[in-house]
Amino acid sequence: MLASSINTYYDNVSAIIDSNLDYAAIHQLGGQAGKNKKVTIPARSYLQLTDDDFEEILCVAENFLNKGDI
């Protein structure tokens, strides 16, 4: 359910990846939860970028900038 809740938004100056599920942030980042925040939940990232992903993003951005489309 968490993976299918991922939304993306972008415009000319930014890109956002998020989820509309209440528990998405605690899974991604970890933190305190429960009554009086007594439970510590470790991060269980579902939005992970691999080194290959990062390289692809850089390549796409560089190609865009080199075309002068901004």
PDB file of N, CA and C in Angstrom:
ATOM      1  N   MET A   1       0.826  -1.192   0.000  1.00  0.00           N
ATOM      2  CA  MET A   1       0.000   0.000   0.000  1.00  0.00           C
ATOM      3  C   MET A   1       0.874   1.262   0.000  1.00  0.00           C
ATOM      4  N   LEU A   2       1.955   1.215   0.754  1.00  0.00           N
ATOM      5  CA  LEU A   2       2.845   2.375   0.839  1.00  0.00           C
ATOM      6  C   LEU A   2       3.473   2.676  -0.518  1.00  0.00           C
ATOM      7  N   ALA A   3       3.975   1.664  -1.175  1.00  0.00           N
ATOM      8  CA  ALA A   3       4.613   1.873  -2.480  1.00  0.00           C
ATOM      9  C   ALA A   3       3.632   2.434  -3.504  1.00  0.00           C
ATOM     10  N   SER A   4       2.387   2.015  -3.461  1.00  0.00           N
ATOM     11  CA  SER A   4       1.413   2.502  -4.434  1.00  0.00           C
ATOM     12  C   SER A   4       0.879   3.892  -4.088  1.00  0.00           C
ATOM     13  N   SER A   5       1.250   4.420  -2.907  1.00  0.00           N
ATOM     14  CA  SER A   5       0.776   5.748  -2.507  1.00  0.00           C
ATOM     15  C   SER A   5       1.728   6.861  -2.912  1.00  0.00           C
ATOM     16  N   ILE A   6       2.823   6.527  -3.564  1.00  0.00           N
ATOM     17  CA  ILE A   6       3.831   7.528  -3.916  1.00  0.00           C
ATOM     18  C   ILE A   6       3.304   8.447  -5.012  1.00  0.00           C
ATOM     19  N   ASN A   7       3.431   9.738  -4.777  1.00  0.00           N
ATOM     20  CA  ASN A   7       3.005  10.765  -5.732  1.00  0.00           C
ATOM     21  C   ASN A   7       4.212  11.586  -6.153  1.00  0.00           C
ATOM     22  N   THR A   8       4.172  12.091  -7.364  1.00  0.00           N
ATOM     23  CA  THR A   8       5.242  12.978  -7.837  1.00  0.00           C
ATOM     24  C   THR A   8       4.637  14.263  -8.372  1.00  0.00           C
ATOM     25  N   TYR A   9       5.348  15.328  -8.144  1.00  0.00           N
ATOM     26  CA  TYR A   9       4.969  16.660  -8.632  1.00  0.00           C
ATOM     27  C   TYR A   9       6.237  17.342  -9.119  1.00  0.00           C
ATOM     28  N   TYR A  10       6.121  18.110 -10.182  1.00  0.00           N
ATOM     29  CA  TYR A  10       7.281  18.861 -10.646  1.00  0.00           C
ATOM     30  C   TYR A  10       6.826  20.089 -11.397  1.00  0.00           C
ATOM     31  N   ASP A  11       7.731  21.063 -11.447  1.00  0.00           N
ATOM     32  CA  ASP A  11       7.524  22.256 -12.253  1.00  0.00           C
ATOM     33  C   ASP A  11       8.884  22.656 -12.814  1.00  0.00           C
ATOM     34  N   ASN A  12       9.016  23.871 -13.244  1.00  0.00           N
ATOM     35  CA  ASN A  12      10.267  24.303 -13.877  1.00  0.00           C
ATOM     36  C   ASN A  12      11.440  24.443 -12.914  1.00  0.00           C
ATOM     37  N   VAL A  13      11.168  24.485 -11.613  1.00  0.00           N
ATOM     38  CA  VAL A  13      12.255  24.715 -10.666  1.00  0.00           C
ATOM     39  C   VAL A  13      12.372  23.671  -9.557  1.00  0.00           C
ATOM     40  N   SER A  14      11.448  22.715  -9.494  1.00  0.00           N
ATOM     41  CA  SER A  14      11.524  21.750  -8.401  1.00  0.00           C
ATOM     42  C   SER A  14      10.837  20.433  -8.756  1.00  0.00           C
ATOM     43  N   ALA A  15      11.143  19.423  -7.954  1.00  0.00           N
ATOM     44  CA  ALA A  15      10.487  18.124  -8.070  1.00  0.00           C
ATOM     45  C   ALA A  15      10.237  17.598  -6.668  1.00  0.00           C
ATOM     46  N   ILE A  16       9.066  17.006  -6.449  1.00  0.00           N
ATOM     47  CA  ILE A  16       8.689  16.498  -5.138  1.00  0.00           C
ATOM     48  C   ILE A  16       8.189  15.069  -5.286  1.00  0.00           C
ATOM     49  N   ILE A  17       8.652  14.221  -4.386  1.00  0.00           N
ATOM     50  CA  ILE A  17       8.147  12.859  -4.284  1.00  0.00           C
ATOM     51  C   ILE A  17       7.613  12.713  -2.873  1.00  0.00           C
ATOM     52  N   ASP A  18       6.332  12.294  -2.733  1.00  0.00           N
ATOM     53  CA  ASP A  18       5.754  12.159  -1.400  1.00  0.00           C
ATOM     54  C   ASP A  18       4.684  11.079  -1.385  1.00  0.00           C
ATOM     55  N   SER A  19       4.069  10.922  -0.233  1.00  0.00           N
ATOM     56  CA  SER A  19       2.972   9.984  -0.043  1.00  0.00           C
ATOM     57  C   SER A  19       1.901  10.681   0.776  1.00  0.00           C
ATOM     58  N   ASN A  20       0.649  10.324   0.551  1.00  0.00           N
ATOM     59  CA  ASN A  20      -0.432  10.920   1.327  1.00  0.00           C
ATOM     60  C   ASN A  20      -0.811  10.061   2.531  1.00  0.00           C
ATOM     61  N   LEU A  21      -0.051   8.987   2.788  1.00  0.00           N
ATOM     62  CA  LEU A  21      -0.336   8.138   3.937  1.00  0.00           C
ATOM     63  C   LEU A  21       0.287   8.723   5.200  1.00  0.00           C
ATOM     64  N   ASP A  22      -0.463   8.686   6.294  1.00  0.00           N
ATOM     65  CA  ASP A  22      -0.009   9.269   7.556  1.00  0.00           C
ATOM     66  C   ASP A  22       1.289   8.647   8.054  1.00  0.00           C
ATOM     67  N   TYR A  23       1.488   7.359   7.815  1.00  0.00           N
ATOM     68  CA  TYR A  23       2.651   6.671   8.365  1.00  0.00           C
ATOM     69  C   TYR A  23       3.851   6.646   7.424  1.00  0.00           C
ATOM     70  N   ALA A  24       3.769   7.283   6.280  1.00  0.00           N
ATOM     71  CA  ALA A  24       4.865   7.257   5.307  1.00  0.00           C
ATOM     72  C   ALA A  24       6.144   7.883   5.863  1.00  0.00           C
ATOM     73  N   ALA A  25       6.031   9.023   6.508  1.00  0.00           N
ATOM     74  CA  ALA A  25       7.222   9.719   7.010  1.00  0.00           C
ATOM     75  C   ALA A  25       7.929   8.920   8.097  1.00  0.00           C
ATOM     76  N   ILE A  26       7.177   8.299   8.998  1.00  0.00           N
ATOM     77  CA  ILE A  26       7.816   7.536  10.066  1.00  0.00           C
ATOM     78  C   ILE A  26       8.543   6.323   9.505  1.00  0.00           C
ATOM     79  N   HIS A  27       8.015   5.740   8.424  1.00  0.00           N
ATOM     80  CA  HIS A  27       8.720   4.631   7.775  1.00  0.00           C
ATOM     81  C   HIS A  27       9.997   5.124   7.102  1.00  0.00           C
ATOM     82  N   GLN A  28       9.921   6.230   6.406  1.00  0.00           N
ATOM     83  CA  GLN A  28      11.080   6.744   5.672  1.00  0.00           C
ATOM     84  C   GLN A  28      12.175   7.247   6.614  1.00  0.00           C
ATOM     85  N   LEU A  29      11.790   8.003   7.635  1.00  0.00           N
ATOM     86  CA  LEU A  29      12.752   8.707   8.474  1.00  0.00           C
ATOM     87  C   LEU A  29      12.969   8.089   9.853  1.00  0.00           C
ATOM     88  N   GLY A  30      12.019   7.286  10.311  1.00  0.00           N
ATOM     89  CA  GLY A  30      12.084   6.773  11.670  1.00  0.00           C
ATOM     90  C   GLY A  30      11.689   7.864  12.651  1.00  0.00           C
ATOM     91  N   GLY A  31      11.574   7.506  13.926  1.00  0.00           N
ATOM     92  CA  GLY A  31      11.250   8.503  14.932  1.00  0.00           C
ATOM     93  C   GLY A  31      10.389   7.950  16.040  1.00  0.00           C
ATOM     94  N   GLN A  32       9.789   8.839  16.804  1.00  0.00           N
ATOM     95  CA  GLN A  32       8.963   8.470  17.945  1.00  0.00           C
ATOM     96  C   GLN A  32       7.503   8.400  17.503  1.00  0.00           C
ATOM     97  N   ALA A  33       6.791   7.373  17.999  1.00  0.00           N
ATOM     98  CA  ALA A  33       5.386   7.195  17.629  1.00  0.00           C
ATOM     99  C   ALA A  33       4.612   6.644  18.825  1.00  0.00           C
ATOM    100  N   GLY A  34       3.327   6.521  18.651  1.00  0.00           N
ATOM    101  CA  GLY A  34       2.479   5.961  19.696  1.00  0.00           C
ATOM    102  C   GLY A  34       2.061   7.001  20.711  1.00  0.00           C
ATOM    103  N   LYS A  35       1.298   6.520  21.697  1.00  0.00           N
ATOM    104  CA  LYS A  35       0.814   7.404  22.754  1.00  0.00           C
ATOM    105  C   LYS A  35       2.001   7.997  23.506  1.00  0.00           C
ATOM    106  N   ASN A  36       2.013   9.284  23.629  1.00  0.00           N
ATOM    107  CA  ASN A  36       3.092  10.026  24.298  1.00  0.00           C
ATOM    108  C   ASN A  36       4.453   9.812  23.646  1.00  0.00           C
ATOM    109  N   LYS A  37       4.444   9.389  22.396  1.00  0.00           N
ATOM    110  CA  LYS A  37       5.682   9.210  21.611  1.00  0.00           C
ATOM    111  C   LYS A  37       6.691   8.314  22.345  1.00  0.00           C
ATOM    112  N   LYS A  38       6.203   7.239  22.962  1.00  0.00           N
ATOM    113  CA  LYS A  38       7.057   6.348  23.748  1.00  0.00           C
ATOM    114  C   LYS A  38       7.711   5.241  22.935  1.00  0.00           C
ATOM    115  N   VAL A  39       7.284   5.054  21.711  1.00  0.00           N
ATOM    116  CA  VAL A  39       7.804   3.967  20.880  1.00  0.00           C
ATOM    117  C   VAL A  39       8.761   4.542  19.845  1.00  0.00           C
ATOM    118  N   THR A  40       9.949   3.967  19.756  1.00  0.00           N
ATOM    119  CA  THR A  40      10.919   4.385  18.744  1.00  0.00           C
ATOM    120  C   THR A  40      10.823   3.425  17.561  1.00  0.00           C
ATOM    121  N   ILE A  41      10.552   3.981  16.408  1.00  0.00           N
ATOM    122  CA  ILE A  41      10.466   3.193  15.179  1.00  0.00           C
ATOM    123  C   ILE A  41      11.693   3.502  14.331  1.00  0.00           C
ATOM    124  N   PRO A  42      12.463   2.485  13.965  1.00  0.00           N
ATOM    125  CA  PRO A  42      13.640   2.727  13.123  1.00  0.00           C
ATOM    126  C   PRO A  42      13.219   3.082  11.700  1.00  0.00           C
ATOM    127  N   ALA A  43      14.061   3.810  11.020  1.00  0.00           N
ATOM    128  CA  ALA A  43      13.790   4.141   9.615  1.00  0.00           C
ATOM    129  C   ALA A  43      13.768   2.862   8.788  1.00  0.00           C
ATOM    130  N   ARG A  44      12.761   2.735   7.939  1.00  0.00           N
ATOM    131  CA  ARG A  44      12.660   1.637   6.984  1.00  0.00           C
ATOM    132  C   ARG A  44      12.351   2.276   5.632  1.00  0.00           C
ATOM    133  N   SER A  45      13.364   2.862   5.075  1.00  0.00           N
ATOM    134  CA  SER A  45      13.222   3.672   3.863  1.00  0.00           C
ATOM    135  C   SER A  45      12.580   2.895   2.727  1.00  0.00           C
ATOM    136  N   TYR A  46      11.606   3.498   2.116  1.00  0.00           N
ATOM    137  CA  TYR A  46      10.982   2.934   0.924  1.00  0.00           C
ATOM    138  C   TYR A  46      11.283   3.793  -0.297  1.00  0.00           C
ATOM    139  N   LEU A  47      11.826   4.974  -0.095  1.00  0.00           N
ATOM    140  CA  LEU A  47      12.234   5.855  -1.188  1.00  0.00           C
ATOM    141  C   LEU A  47      13.755   5.934  -1.188  1.00  0.00           C
ATOM    142  N   GLN A  48      14.384   4.941  -1.717  1.00  0.00           N
ATOM    143  CA  GLN A  48      15.840   4.913  -1.714  1.00  0.00           C
ATOM    144  C   GLN A  48      16.365   5.121  -3.123  1.00  0.00           C
ATOM    145  N   LEU A  49      17.373   5.946  -3.236  1.00  0.00           N
ATOM    146  CA  LEU A  49      18.061   6.132  -4.504  1.00  0.00           C
ATOM    147  C   LEU A  49      19.351   5.329  -4.483  1.00  0.00           C
ATOM    148  N   THR A  50      19.531   4.525  -5.498  1.00  0.00           N
ATOM    149  CA  THR A  50      20.790   3.803  -5.638  1.00  0.00           C
ATOM    150  C   THR A  50      21.800   4.719  -6.313  1.00  0.00           C
ATOM    151  N   ASP A  51      23.038   4.308  -6.339  1.00  0.00           N
ATOM    152  CA  ASP A  51      24.055   5.089  -7.046  1.00  0.00           C
ATOM    153  C   ASP A  51      23.701   5.212  -8.521  1.00  0.00           C
ATOM    154  N   ASP A  52      23.141   4.149  -9.121  1.00  0.00           N
ATOM    155  CA  ASP A  52      22.717   4.205 -10.524  1.00  0.00           C
ATOM    156  C   ASP A  52      21.593   5.208 -10.720  1.00  0.00           C
ATOM    157  N   ASP A  53      20.633   5.242  -9.777  1.00  0.00           N
ATOM    158  CA  ASP A  53      19.543   6.218  -9.861  1.00  0.00           C
ATOM    159  C   ASP A  53      20.088   7.636  -9.826  1.00  0.00           C
ATOM    160  N   PHE A  54      21.008   7.883  -8.900  1.00  0.00           N
ATOM    161  CA  PHE A  54      21.593   9.208  -8.749  1.00  0.00           C
ATOM    162  C   PHE A  54      22.320   9.627 -10.024  1.00  0.00           C
ATOM    163  N   GLU A  55      23.081   8.709 -10.612  1.00  0.00           N
ATOM    164  CA  GLU A  55      23.805   9.001 -11.852  1.00  0.00           C
ATOM    165  C   GLU A  55      22.833   9.306 -12.989  1.00  0.00           C
ATOM    166  N   GLU A  56      21.722   8.568 -13.059  1.00  0.00           N
ATOM    167  CA  GLU A  56      20.729   8.817 -14.115  1.00  0.00           C
ATOM    168  C   GLU A  56      20.082  10.190 -13.947  1.00  0.00           C
ATOM    169  N   ILE A  57      19.774  10.557 -12.717  1.00  0.00           N
ATOM    170  CA  ILE A  57      19.187  11.876 -12.454  1.00  0.00           C
ATOM    171  C   ILE A  57      20.161  12.975 -12.869  1.00  0.00           C
ATOM    172  N   LEU A  58      21.427  12.818 -12.508  1.00  0.00           N
ATOM    173  CA  LEU A  58      22.435  13.807 -12.905  1.00  0.00           C
ATOM    174  C   LEU A  58      22.551  13.908 -14.425  1.00  0.00           C
ATOM    175  N   CYS A  59      22.533  12.771 -15.100  1.00  0.00           N
ATOM    176  CA  CYS A  59      22.653  12.748 -16.554  1.00  0.00           C
ATOM    177  C   CYS A  59      21.472  13.469 -17.214  1.00  0.00           C
ATOM    178  N   VAL A  60      20.269  13.188 -16.755  1.00  0.00           N
ATOM    179  CA  VAL A  60      19.077  13.839 -17.312  1.00  0.00           C
ATOM    180  C   VAL A  60      19.134  15.341 -17.069  1.00  0.00           C
ATOM    181  N   ALA A  61      19.529  15.751 -15.856  1.00  0.00           N
ATOM    182  CA  ALA A  61      19.612  17.175 -15.539  1.00  0.00           C
ATOM    183  C   ALA A  61      20.674  17.873 -16.390  1.00  0.00           C
ATOM    184  N   GLU A  62      21.831  17.238 -16.540  1.00  0.00           N
ATOM    185  CA  GLU A  62      22.898  17.829 -17.353  1.00  0.00           C
ATOM    186  C   GLU A  62      22.468  17.952 -18.818  1.00  0.00           C
ATOM    187  N   ASN A  63      21.811  16.933 -19.346  1.00  0.00           N
ATOM    188  CA  ASN A  63      21.329  16.994 -20.732  1.00  0.00           C
ATOM    189  C   ASN A  63      20.327  18.122 -20.907  1.00  0.00           C
ATOM    190  N   PHE A  64      19.440  18.289 -19.952  1.00  0.00           N
ATOM    191  CA  PHE A  64      18.450  19.356 -20.010  1.00  0.00           C
ATOM    192  C   PHE A  64      19.138  20.727 -19.998  1.00  0.00           C
ATOM    193  N   LEU A  65      20.084  20.898 -19.081  1.00  0.00           N
ATOM    194  CA  LEU A  65      20.774  22.180 -18.958  1.00  0.00           C
ATOM    195  C   LEU A  65      21.624  22.483 -20.184  1.00  0.00           C
ATOM    196  N   ASN A  66      22.237  21.461 -20.761  1.00  0.00           N
ATOM    197  CA  ASN A  66      23.080  21.666 -21.955  1.00  0.00           C
ATOM    198  C   ASN A  66      22.267  22.051 -23.177  1.00  0.00           C
ATOM    199  N   LYS A  67      20.986  21.713 -23.206  1.00  0.00           N
ATOM    200  CA  LYS A  67      20.119  22.080 -24.332  1.00  0.00           C
ATOM    201  C   LYS A  67      19.685  23.527 -24.231  1.00  0.00           C
ATOM    202  N   GLY A  68      19.851  24.141 -23.057  1.00  0.00           N
ATOM    203  CA  GLY A  68      19.442  25.533 -22.874  1.00  0.00           C
ATOM    204  C   GLY A  68      17.953  25.703 -22.794  1.00  0.00           C
ATOM    205  N   ASP A  69      17.247  24.685 -22.293  1.00  0.00           N
ATOM    206  CA  ASP A  69      15.785  24.738 -22.224  1.00  0.00           C
ATOM    207  C   ASP A  69      15.245  25.437 -20.995  1.00  0.00           C
ATOM    208  N   ILE A  70      16.097  26.116 -20.242  1.00  0.00           N
ATOM    209  CA  ILE A  70      15.600  26.749 -19.026  1.00  0.00           C
ATOM    210  C   ILE A  70      15.257  28.196 -19.280  1.00  0.00           C
TER     211      ILE A  70
END
